[in-house]
Amino acid sequence: MGLIEVKGIKVYAYHGCLSEEGRIGGHYRVDVAVEGDMARAERTDKLADTIDYGRVTAIVVEQMAIRSQLIEHVAARILDALRKEWPHGFLWQVRLVKEHPPIAGAVDSVVYTVGG
């Protein structure tokens, strides 16, 4: 078993329940982890035999460009898209961080994690 982590994918997006969030947007970070059998890639040294983290990043950016009210919804869409791209034998985790959300008080971030 092996583990690939793509950490700190930075995206400016327009998610949130407030109308201002749809106009102004905000900063987000996404971390993706995938666990599975990477033995073939270890032997062959070929990108086709593993998870292409460039493509992982592209999927995150594509899904983050689609406005949602809830980060839970966005994270689940990212997870679904990753599973569709690599449908067999991998366990995925998506961690979505909304930086400085517009809520009362000084809050650095709100984080939602989904996977399995």
N, C-alpha and C. Protein backbone atom coordinates (compact mmCIF):
# COMPACT_ATOMS: atom_id res chain seq x y z
N MET A 1 0.84 -1.19 0.00
CA MET A 1 0.00 0.00 0.00
C MET A 1 0.87 1.24 0.00
N GLY A 2 0.40 2.23 -0.69
CA GLY A 2 1.10 3.50 -0.73
C GLY A 2 0.13 4.65 -0.50
N LEU A 3 0.66 5.80 -0.19
CA LEU A 3 -0.14 6.99 0.08
C LEU A 3 0.43 8.17 -0.70
N ILE A 4 -0.42 8.81 -1.47
CA ILE A 4 -0.05 10.04 -2.17
C ILE A 4 -0.87 11.17 -1.55
N GLU A 5 -0.21 12.27 -1.23
CA GLU A 5 -0.89 13.44 -0.70
C GLU A 5 -0.56 14.64 -1.57
N VAL A 6 -1.59 15.31 -2.02
CA VAL A 6 -1.43 16.58 -2.73
C VAL A 6 -1.97 17.64 -1.78
N LYS A 7 -1.08 18.43 -1.22
CA LYS A 7 -1.44 19.35 -0.14
C LYS A 7 -1.36 20.80 -0.59
N GLY A 8 -2.31 21.57 -0.08
CA GLY A 8 -2.24 23.02 -0.25
C GLY A 8 -2.58 23.51 -1.65
N ILE A 9 -3.55 22.87 -2.31
CA ILE A 9 -4.00 23.37 -3.61
C ILE A 9 -4.75 24.67 -3.32
N LYS A 10 -4.22 25.78 -3.76
CA LYS A 10 -4.79 27.09 -3.45
C LYS A 10 -5.73 27.53 -4.57
N VAL A 11 -6.94 27.93 -4.16
CA VAL A 11 -7.97 28.32 -5.12
C VAL A 11 -8.71 29.54 -4.56
N TYR A 12 -9.01 30.47 -5.44
CA TYR A 12 -9.91 31.57 -5.10
C TYR A 12 -11.26 31.20 -5.67
N ALA A 13 -12.30 31.14 -4.81
CA ALA A 13 -13.60 30.66 -5.27
C ALA A 13 -14.72 31.45 -4.59
N TYR A 14 -15.94 31.15 -4.97
CA TYR A 14 -17.10 31.96 -4.60
C TYR A 14 -18.18 31.14 -3.88
N HIS A 15 -17.78 30.33 -2.92
CA HIS A 15 -18.72 29.49 -2.19
C HIS A 15 -19.21 30.19 -0.94
N GLY A 16 -20.43 29.88 -0.56
CA GLY A 16 -20.97 30.40 0.69
C GLY A 16 -22.44 30.70 0.58
N CYS A 17 -23.08 30.80 1.74
CA CYS A 17 -24.52 31.07 1.81
C CYS A 17 -24.84 32.56 1.64
N LEU A 18 -23.88 33.40 1.92
CA LEU A 18 -24.11 34.84 1.82
C LEU A 18 -23.94 35.32 0.38
N SER A 19 -24.80 36.24 -0.05
CA SER A 19 -24.70 36.74 -1.42
C SER A 19 -23.36 37.44 -1.67
N GLU A 20 -22.82 38.07 -0.63
CA GLU A 20 -21.51 38.74 -0.78
C GLU A 20 -20.41 37.75 -1.15
N GLU A 21 -20.51 36.53 -0.62
CA GLU A 21 -19.50 35.52 -0.92
C GLU A 21 -19.53 35.16 -2.39
N GLY A 22 -20.70 35.21 -2.99
CA GLY A 22 -20.83 34.94 -4.42
C GLY A 22 -20.24 36.05 -5.27
N ARG A 23 -20.20 37.27 -4.73
CA ARG A 23 -19.63 38.40 -5.47
C ARG A 23 -18.15 38.61 -5.17
N ILE A 24 -17.80 38.52 -3.90
CA ILE A 24 -16.44 38.85 -3.46
C ILE A 24 -15.51 37.65 -3.53
N GLY A 25 -16.00 36.48 -3.14
CA GLY A 25 -15.18 35.28 -3.14
C GLY A 25 -14.26 35.22 -1.94
N GLY A 26 -13.45 34.19 -1.92
CA GLY A 26 -12.53 34.01 -0.82
C GLY A 26 -11.46 32.99 -1.14
N HIS A 27 -10.50 32.88 -0.24
CA HIS A 27 -9.38 31.97 -0.40
C HIS A 27 -9.70 30.61 0.20
N TYR A 28 -9.32 29.57 -0.54
CA TYR A 28 -9.53 28.19 -0.12
C TYR A 28 -8.24 27.40 -0.33
N ARG A 29 -8.08 26.35 0.47
CA ARG A 29 -7.01 25.37 0.27
C ARG A 29 -7.65 23.99 0.28
N VAL A 30 -7.15 23.14 -0.59
CA VAL A 30 -7.66 21.78 -0.65
C VAL A 30 -6.49 20.81 -0.56
N ASP A 31 -6.64 19.80 0.30
CA ASP A 31 -5.67 18.71 0.41
C ASP A 31 -6.37 17.44 -0.04
N VAL A 32 -5.67 16.65 -0.84
CA VAL A 32 -6.22 15.38 -1.30
C VAL A 32 -5.22 14.28 -0.94
N ALA A 33 -5.73 13.20 -0.37
CA ALA A 33 -4.90 12.03 -0.07
C ALA A 33 -5.55 10.82 -0.73
N VAL A 34 -4.71 9.96 -1.27
CA VAL A 34 -5.21 8.72 -1.87
C VAL A 34 -4.30 7.57 -1.43
N GLU A 35 -4.95 6.52 -0.97
CA GLU A 35 -4.22 5.34 -0.51
C GLU A 35 -4.64 4.16 -1.37
N GLY A 36 -3.64 3.36 -1.75
CA GLY A 36 -3.94 2.18 -2.55
C GLY A 36 -2.67 1.44 -2.92
N ASP A 37 -2.85 0.45 -3.75
CA ASP A 37 -1.72 -0.38 -4.20
C ASP A 37 -0.94 0.37 -5.28
N MET A 38 0.22 0.82 -4.95
CA MET A 38 1.09 1.57 -5.86
C MET A 38 2.28 0.71 -6.31
N ALA A 39 2.21 -0.59 -6.07
CA ALA A 39 3.34 -1.48 -6.37
C ALA A 39 3.73 -1.43 -7.84
N ARG A 40 2.75 -1.41 -8.72
CA ARG A 40 3.07 -1.37 -10.16
C ARG A 40 3.86 -0.12 -10.51
N ALA A 41 3.43 1.03 -10.02
CA ALA A 41 4.16 2.28 -10.27
C ALA A 41 5.57 2.23 -9.69
N GLU A 42 5.70 1.59 -8.53
CA GLU A 42 7.02 1.45 -7.91
C GLU A 42 7.97 0.66 -8.82
N ARG A 43 7.43 -0.31 -9.53
CA ARG A 43 8.26 -1.15 -10.41
C ARG A 43 8.50 -0.51 -11.78
N THR A 44 7.45 0.10 -12.36
CA THR A 44 7.55 0.53 -13.76
C THR A 44 8.09 1.94 -13.95
N ASP A 45 7.92 2.80 -12.93
CA ASP A 45 8.34 4.20 -13.05
C ASP A 45 7.55 4.93 -14.14
N LYS A 46 6.26 4.55 -14.33
CA LYS A 46 5.43 5.16 -15.37
C LYS A 46 4.23 5.86 -14.73
N LEU A 47 3.98 7.08 -15.20
CA LEU A 47 2.87 7.88 -14.69
C LEU A 47 1.53 7.18 -14.89
N ALA A 48 1.39 6.45 -15.96
CA ALA A 48 0.13 5.74 -16.25
C ALA A 48 -0.21 4.70 -15.19
N ASP A 49 0.75 4.30 -14.38
CA ASP A 49 0.54 3.27 -13.37
C ASP A 49 0.29 3.82 -11.97
N THR A 50 0.02 5.11 -11.88
CA THR A 50 -0.21 5.72 -10.57
C THR A 50 -1.27 6.81 -10.69
N ILE A 51 -1.43 7.57 -9.65
CA ILE A 51 -2.34 8.71 -9.63
C ILE A 51 -1.57 9.93 -10.09
N ASP A 52 -2.04 10.55 -11.14
CA ASP A 52 -1.41 11.76 -11.69
C ASP A 52 -1.82 12.96 -10.83
N TYR A 53 -0.92 13.46 -10.00
CA TYR A 53 -1.31 14.55 -9.12
C TYR A 53 -1.50 15.87 -9.84
N GLY A 54 -1.01 15.99 -11.05
CA GLY A 54 -1.38 17.14 -11.88
C GLY A 54 -2.85 17.09 -12.24
N ARG A 55 -3.33 15.90 -12.56
CA ARG A 55 -4.76 15.73 -12.87
C ARG A 55 -5.61 15.89 -11.61
N VAL A 56 -5.12 15.42 -10.46
CA VAL A 56 -5.82 15.63 -9.20
C VAL A 56 -6.04 17.13 -8.99
N THR A 57 -4.99 17.91 -9.17
CA THR A 57 -5.08 19.35 -8.98
C THR A 57 -6.07 19.97 -9.97
N ALA A 58 -6.04 19.53 -11.21
CA ALA A 58 -6.97 20.06 -12.22
C ALA A 58 -8.42 19.75 -11.84
N ILE A 59 -8.69 18.56 -11.34
CA ILE A 59 -10.04 18.20 -10.92
C ILE A 59 -10.50 19.10 -9.77
N VAL A 60 -9.63 19.33 -8.81
CA VAL A 60 -9.97 20.22 -7.70
C VAL A 60 -10.31 21.61 -8.22
N VAL A 61 -9.49 22.16 -9.10
CA VAL A 61 -9.72 23.50 -9.63
C VAL A 61 -11.04 23.54 -10.41
N GLU A 62 -11.30 22.52 -11.22
CA GLU A 62 -12.55 22.46 -11.98
C GLU A 62 -13.77 22.47 -11.07
N GLN A 63 -13.74 21.67 -10.04
CA GLN A 63 -14.89 21.57 -9.13
C GLN A 63 -15.03 22.82 -8.25
N MET A 64 -13.92 23.42 -7.87
CA MET A 64 -13.98 24.63 -7.06
C MET A 64 -14.54 25.81 -7.85
N ALA A 65 -14.49 25.75 -9.16
CA ALA A 65 -15.02 26.82 -10.01
C ALA A 65 -16.54 26.81 -10.09
N ILE A 66 -17.17 25.74 -9.62
CA ILE A 66 -18.63 25.62 -9.63
C ILE A 66 -19.14 26.09 -8.27
N ARG A 67 -19.86 27.20 -8.26
CA ARG A 67 -20.31 27.79 -7.00
C ARG A 67 -21.28 26.87 -6.25
N SER A 68 -21.06 26.79 -4.94
CA SER A 68 -21.95 26.07 -4.03
C SER A 68 -22.14 26.91 -2.78
N GLN A 69 -23.22 26.66 -2.09
CA GLN A 69 -23.43 27.35 -0.82
C GLN A 69 -22.58 26.73 0.29
N LEU A 70 -22.41 25.41 0.25
CA LEU A 70 -21.74 24.71 1.34
C LEU A 70 -20.43 24.07 0.89
N ILE A 71 -19.41 24.18 1.74
CA ILE A 71 -18.14 23.54 1.42
C ILE A 71 -18.28 22.02 1.47
N GLU A 72 -19.24 21.52 2.22
CA GLU A 72 -19.51 20.09 2.26
C GLU A 72 -19.88 19.58 0.86
N HIS A 73 -20.70 20.36 0.18
CA HIS A 73 -21.14 20.00 -1.17
C HIS A 73 -19.97 20.01 -2.15
N VAL A 74 -19.14 21.02 -2.06
CA VAL A 74 -17.97 21.12 -2.95
C VAL A 74 -17.02 19.95 -2.72
N ALA A 75 -16.72 19.67 -1.45
CA ALA A 75 -15.80 18.57 -1.12
C ALA A 75 -16.33 17.23 -1.64
N ALA A 76 -17.64 17.01 -1.50
CA ALA A 76 -18.23 15.76 -2.00
C ALA A 76 -18.15 15.69 -3.52
N ARG A 77 -18.33 16.80 -4.20
CA ARG A 77 -18.19 16.82 -5.67
C ARG A 77 -16.77 16.49 -6.09
N ILE A 78 -15.80 17.05 -5.39
CA ILE A 78 -14.39 16.75 -5.68
C ILE A 78 -14.14 15.26 -5.50
N LEU A 79 -14.59 14.72 -4.37
CA LEU A 79 -14.41 13.30 -4.09
C LEU A 79 -15.04 12.44 -5.19
N ASP A 80 -16.25 12.77 -5.59
CA ASP A 80 -16.94 12.02 -6.65
C ASP A 80 -16.16 12.07 -7.97
N ALA A 81 -15.65 13.24 -8.31
CA ALA A 81 -14.89 13.40 -9.56
C ALA A 81 -13.59 12.59 -9.53
N LEU A 82 -12.92 12.55 -8.39
CA LEU A 82 -11.70 11.75 -8.26
C LEU A 82 -12.00 10.27 -8.40
N ARG A 83 -13.06 9.83 -7.75
CA ARG A 83 -13.46 8.42 -7.84
C ARG A 83 -13.86 8.05 -9.27
N LYS A 84 -14.45 8.98 -9.98
CA LYS A 84 -14.83 8.71 -11.37
C LYS A 84 -13.58 8.58 -12.26
N GLU A 85 -12.59 9.42 -12.00
CA GLU A 85 -11.34 9.39 -12.79
C GLU A 85 -10.53 8.12 -12.52
N TRP A 86 -10.48 7.70 -11.26
CA TRP A 86 -9.76 6.49 -10.84
C TRP A 86 -10.72 5.61 -10.05
N PRO A 87 -11.52 4.79 -10.74
CA PRO A 87 -12.63 4.10 -10.08
C PRO A 87 -12.29 2.85 -9.28
N HIS A 88 -11.07 2.37 -9.33
CA HIS A 88 -10.81 1.06 -8.74
C HIS A 88 -9.75 1.08 -7.65
N GLY A 89 -10.11 0.57 -6.49
CA GLY A 89 -9.14 0.18 -5.48
C GLY A 89 -8.43 1.27 -4.72
N PHE A 90 -8.96 2.48 -4.69
CA PHE A 90 -8.28 3.55 -3.96
C PHE A 90 -9.21 4.12 -2.89
N LEU A 91 -8.60 4.52 -1.78
CA LEU A 91 -9.32 5.22 -0.72
C LEU A 91 -8.91 6.68 -0.77
N TRP A 92 -9.89 7.56 -0.89
CA TRP A 92 -9.64 8.98 -1.07
C TRP A 92 -10.04 9.76 0.18
N GLN A 93 -9.36 10.88 0.38
CA GLN A 93 -9.76 11.84 1.39
C GLN A 93 -9.58 13.24 0.81
N VAL A 94 -10.61 14.07 0.96
CA VAL A 94 -10.57 15.46 0.51
C VAL A 94 -10.77 16.34 1.73
N ARG A 95 -9.86 17.27 1.92
CA ARG A 95 -9.93 18.22 3.04
C ARG A 95 -10.01 19.61 2.44
N LEU A 96 -11.13 20.30 2.67
CA LEU A 96 -11.36 21.62 2.09
C LEU A 96 -11.32 22.66 3.21
N VAL A 97 -10.47 23.66 3.05
CA VAL A 97 -10.27 24.71 4.05
C VAL A 97 -10.76 26.03 3.49
N LYS A 98 -11.72 26.63 4.16
CA LYS A 98 -12.20 27.97 3.81
C LYS A 98 -11.50 28.94 4.76
N GLU A 99 -10.64 29.78 4.20
CA GLU A 99 -9.85 30.70 5.02
C GLU A 99 -10.65 31.95 5.36
N HIS A 100 -10.56 32.38 6.60
CA HIS A 100 -11.18 33.61 7.08
C HIS A 100 -12.64 33.74 6.65
N PRO A 101 -13.47 32.79 7.08
CA PRO A 101 -14.88 32.84 6.70
C PRO A 101 -15.57 34.07 7.31
N PRO A 102 -16.58 34.59 6.62
CA PRO A 102 -17.26 35.80 7.11
C PRO A 102 -18.28 35.47 8.21
N ILE A 103 -17.76 35.11 9.38
CA ILE A 103 -18.62 34.83 10.53
C ILE A 103 -18.18 35.70 11.70
N ALA A 104 -19.05 35.87 12.65
CA ALA A 104 -18.73 36.71 13.81
C ALA A 104 -17.52 36.15 14.55
N GLY A 105 -16.61 37.04 14.90
CA GLY A 105 -15.43 36.64 15.63
C GLY A 105 -14.24 36.46 14.70
N ALA A 106 -13.08 36.32 15.28
CA ALA A 106 -11.85 36.14 14.51
C ALA A 106 -11.62 34.65 14.32
N VAL A 107 -11.89 34.16 13.10
CA VAL A 107 -11.75 32.73 12.79
C VAL A 107 -10.77 32.59 11.64
N ASP A 108 -9.73 31.80 11.84
CA ASP A 108 -8.74 31.58 10.78
C ASP A 108 -9.31 30.78 9.62
N SER A 109 -10.04 29.71 9.95
CA SER A 109 -10.55 28.86 8.87
C SER A 109 -11.64 27.93 9.38
N VAL A 110 -12.38 27.42 8.42
CA VAL A 110 -13.35 26.35 8.66
C VAL A 110 -12.92 25.22 7.74
N VAL A 111 -12.91 23.98 8.27
CA VAL A 111 -12.41 22.85 7.52
C VAL A 111 -13.47 21.75 7.46
N TYR A 112 -13.62 21.17 6.26
CA TYR A 112 -14.48 19.99 6.11
C TYR A 112 -13.67 18.90 5.44
N THR A 113 -13.76 17.69 5.99
CA THR A 113 -13.04 16.54 5.44
C THR A 113 -14.03 15.43 5.13
N VAL A 114 -13.87 14.84 3.93
CA VAL A 114 -14.74 13.75 3.50
C VAL A 114 -13.86 12.70 2.83
N GLY A 115 -14.28 11.45 2.89
CA GLY A 115 -13.50 10.42 2.21
C GLY A 115 -13.98 9.03 2.53
N GLY A 116 -13.17 8.11 2.02
CA GLY A 116 -13.50 6.72 2.25
C GLY A 116 -13.27 5.88 1.02
